[in-house]
Amino acid sequence: MDFPLFDPVVDEAQLRRAFSSFPSGVAAVCTRVDDLPVGVAASSFTTVSVEPPLVSVNMRHESTTWPLLRTGRRLGLSVLALGQEDICRRLAGDAAHRFDGTDWMGHADGGVFIEGATMWLDCSLHAEIPAGDHDVVLLRIHGIRVSPETEPLVFHASRFRRLATT
């Protein structure tokens, strides 16, 4: 049996629908700039390497927040937990209100971490690799704190979901 024909790639909306079929966790990438928290939500978070310890996120070239974040000595990466949908929406919205109603902790090195997350990584910028309309941002991990009993926030098909339990 032959594999069915593929639809040609014709527009951004078609690609976004296809990309949304891959479920992912949601990470907050945050730092302090002039003693104020600055951050974004990233559903593109993934592990990269154990040696050296690296993870990655993707940042749009058009982002006005990434240029601020990249100046931070350290970046806090918080993998958001189930129930933190509103925090995720705010981090993806208006920059002036991203931390409204959000409990966060600041690290002495500048990273900002969202309270109640399922994992926190203390990171620094390792490298940026241009890739189309985004940059692949590699972050070096300096410290880890994990809350494995806390369920992660999952994003799939443009909706927040929860993992099935058995």
Protein backbone atom coordinates (compact mmCIF):
# COMPACT_ATOMS: atom_id res chain seq x y z
CA MET A 1 0.00 0.00 0.00
CA ASP A 2 1.35 3.42 -0.92
CA PHE A 3 1.61 6.17 1.64
CA PRO A 4 -1.14 8.80 1.12
CA LEU A 5 -0.18 12.00 -0.65
CA PHE A 6 0.94 14.97 1.41
CA ASP A 7 -0.74 18.35 1.28
CA PRO A 8 1.64 21.03 -0.01
CA VAL A 9 2.69 23.64 2.53
CA VAL A 10 0.74 26.71 1.52
CA ASP A 11 0.51 29.07 4.50
CA GLU A 12 1.40 29.85 8.08
CA ALA A 13 -2.01 28.82 9.46
CA GLN A 14 -1.64 25.33 8.00
CA LEU A 15 1.80 24.95 9.61
CA ARG A 16 0.57 26.25 12.96
CA ARG A 17 -2.26 23.67 12.94
CA ALA A 18 0.21 20.91 12.15
CA PHE A 19 2.74 22.05 14.77
CA SER A 20 -0.01 22.23 17.41
CA SER A 21 -0.64 18.49 17.05
CA PHE A 22 2.57 17.89 19.01
CA PRO A 23 1.86 18.16 22.76
CA SER A 24 4.41 20.06 24.79
CA GLY A 25 5.03 21.39 28.23
CA VAL A 26 5.21 25.13 28.78
CA ALA A 27 8.22 26.87 30.27
CA ALA A 28 8.57 30.39 31.59
CA VAL A 29 11.94 31.99 30.80
CA CYS A 30 12.54 34.92 33.14
CA THR A 31 15.15 37.27 34.59
CA ARG A 32 15.32 40.61 36.36
CA VAL A 33 16.03 43.81 34.45
CA ASP A 34 16.43 46.93 36.59
CA ASP A 35 15.11 44.88 39.55
CA LEU A 36 11.84 44.09 37.73
CA PRO A 37 10.84 40.62 36.48
CA VAL A 38 10.86 40.13 32.70
CA GLY A 39 9.75 36.91 31.07
CA VAL A 40 8.03 34.96 28.31
CA ALA A 41 6.18 31.67 27.92
CA ALA A 42 7.84 29.12 25.63
CA SER A 43 6.18 25.91 24.46
CA SER A 44 9.32 25.07 22.48
CA PHE A 45 11.34 23.97 25.54
CA THR A 46 13.31 20.76 25.09
CA THR A 47 16.25 18.94 26.58
CA VAL A 48 19.45 18.95 24.49
CA SER A 49 22.51 17.56 26.25
CA VAL A 50 23.68 15.99 29.51
CA GLU A 51 27.35 16.92 28.99
CA PRO A 52 27.42 19.85 28.98
CA PRO A 53 23.98 20.28 30.59
CA LEU A 54 21.91 22.12 27.96
CA VAL A 55 18.26 22.80 27.15
CA SER A 56 16.76 24.90 24.37
CA VAL A 57 13.89 27.25 23.67
CA ASN A 58 12.98 29.06 20.46
CA MET A 59 12.56 32.83 20.35
CA ARG A 60 10.91 34.77 17.52
CA HIS A 61 13.09 37.35 15.79
CA GLU A 62 10.23 39.82 16.33
CA SER A 63 10.24 39.34 20.10
CA THR A 64 10.72 42.55 22.03
CA THR A 65 11.27 40.60 25.27
CA TRP A 66 14.11 38.31 24.17
CA PRO A 67 16.57 41.22 23.72
CA LEU A 68 15.91 42.11 27.38
CA LEU A 69 16.14 38.53 28.61
CA ARG A 70 19.43 37.85 26.85
CA THR A 71 21.06 40.64 28.90
CA GLY A 72 20.39 38.78 32.15
CA ARG A 73 23.36 37.18 33.86
CA ARG A 74 21.13 34.21 34.67
CA LEU A 75 17.78 33.09 33.30
CA GLY A 76 15.25 31.22 35.37
CA LEU A 77 13.42 28.51 33.46
CA SER A 78 10.26 27.28 35.19
CA VAL A 79 8.30 24.35 33.73
CA LEU A 80 4.75 25.40 34.50
CA ALA A 81 2.38 23.15 36.42
CA LEU A 82 -1.21 22.11 35.88
CA GLY A 83 -3.36 24.99 37.11
CA GLN A 84 -0.93 27.68 35.94
CA GLU A 85 -2.79 28.35 32.68
CA ASP A 86 -3.47 31.98 33.63
CA ILE A 87 0.22 32.57 34.35
CA CYS A 88 1.07 31.14 30.93
CA ARG A 89 -1.49 33.39 29.22
CA ARG A 90 -0.13 36.48 31.00
CA LEU A 91 3.47 35.58 30.10
CA ALA A 92 2.38 35.35 26.47
CA GLY A 93 0.46 38.64 26.63
CA ASP A 94 1.04 42.32 27.35
CA ALA A 95 4.57 42.79 28.76
CA ALA A 96 3.40 45.38 31.30
CA HIS A 97 1.13 42.83 33.03
CA ARG A 98 3.00 39.53 32.67
CA PHE A 99 3.67 39.15 36.38
CA ASP A 100 0.35 40.53 37.69
CA GLY A 101 -1.00 38.05 40.24
CA THR A 102 2.00 35.73 39.79
CA ASP A 103 4.06 34.57 42.75
CA TRP A 104 7.72 34.45 41.79
CA MET A 105 11.09 34.10 43.47
CA GLY A 106 14.25 35.90 42.48
CA HIS A 107 17.68 34.27 42.64
CA ALA A 108 20.74 36.28 43.70
CA ASP A 109 22.23 35.79 40.20
CA GLY A 110 19.20 37.41 38.56
CA GLY A 111 17.03 34.48 37.48
CA VAL A 112 13.30 34.68 38.18
CA PHE A 113 11.35 31.51 38.99
CA ILE A 114 7.58 30.94 39.04
CA GLU A 115 6.35 29.51 42.34
CA GLY A 116 4.43 26.24 42.10
CA ALA A 117 6.15 25.06 38.90
CA THR A 118 7.11 21.42 38.44
CA MET A 119 10.78 22.13 37.64
CA TRP A 120 13.17 25.06 37.89
CA LEU A 121 16.45 25.43 36.02
CA ASP A 122 19.02 28.12 36.78
CA CYS A 123 20.52 28.85 33.35
CA SER A 124 22.78 31.15 31.38
CA LEU A 125 22.84 31.85 27.67
CA HIS A 126 25.11 29.33 25.94
CA ALA A 127 24.44 30.02 22.22
CA GLU A 128 21.92 31.35 19.73
CA ILE A 129 21.44 29.70 16.35
CA PRO A 130 19.43 31.49 13.63
CA ALA A 131 16.68 29.24 12.29
CA GLY A 132 14.12 30.79 9.94
CA ASP A 133 11.99 33.35 11.74
CA HIS A 134 13.25 32.20 15.15
CA ASP A 135 16.52 31.68 16.99
CA VAL A 136 17.21 28.38 18.71
CA VAL A 137 18.48 29.47 22.11
CA LEU A 138 20.72 27.04 23.97
CA LEU A 139 20.77 27.50 27.74
CA ARG A 140 23.42 26.04 30.02
CA ILE A 141 22.04 24.61 33.27
CA HIS A 142 23.83 25.61 36.50
CA GLY A 143 21.28 24.39 39.04
CA ILE A 144 18.13 22.27 39.22
CA ARG A 145 15.17 21.97 41.52
CA VAL A 146 12.42 19.45 40.73
CA SER A 147 8.95 18.79 42.13
CA PRO A 148 8.11 15.44 40.46
CA GLU A 149 4.78 15.07 42.27
CA THR A 150 3.53 18.28 40.61
CA GLU A 151 1.73 17.64 37.32
CA PRO A 152 2.98 19.66 34.33
CA LEU A 153 0.93 22.02 32.20
CA VAL A 154 0.53 20.51 28.73
CA PHE A 155 -0.31 22.47 25.57
CA HIS A 156 -1.85 20.61 22.63
CA ALA A 157 -4.02 21.71 19.69
CA SER A 158 -4.04 25.29 21.03
CA ARG A 159 -5.53 24.15 24.36
CA PHE A 160 -4.22 23.31 27.80
CA ARG A 161 -4.56 19.64 28.69
CA ARG A 162 -3.75 17.33 31.55
CA LEU A 163 -1.92 14.04 31.40
CA ALA A 164 -3.96 10.89 31.88
CA THR A 165 -3.29 9.02 35.10
CA THR A 166 -3.49 5.30 35.48
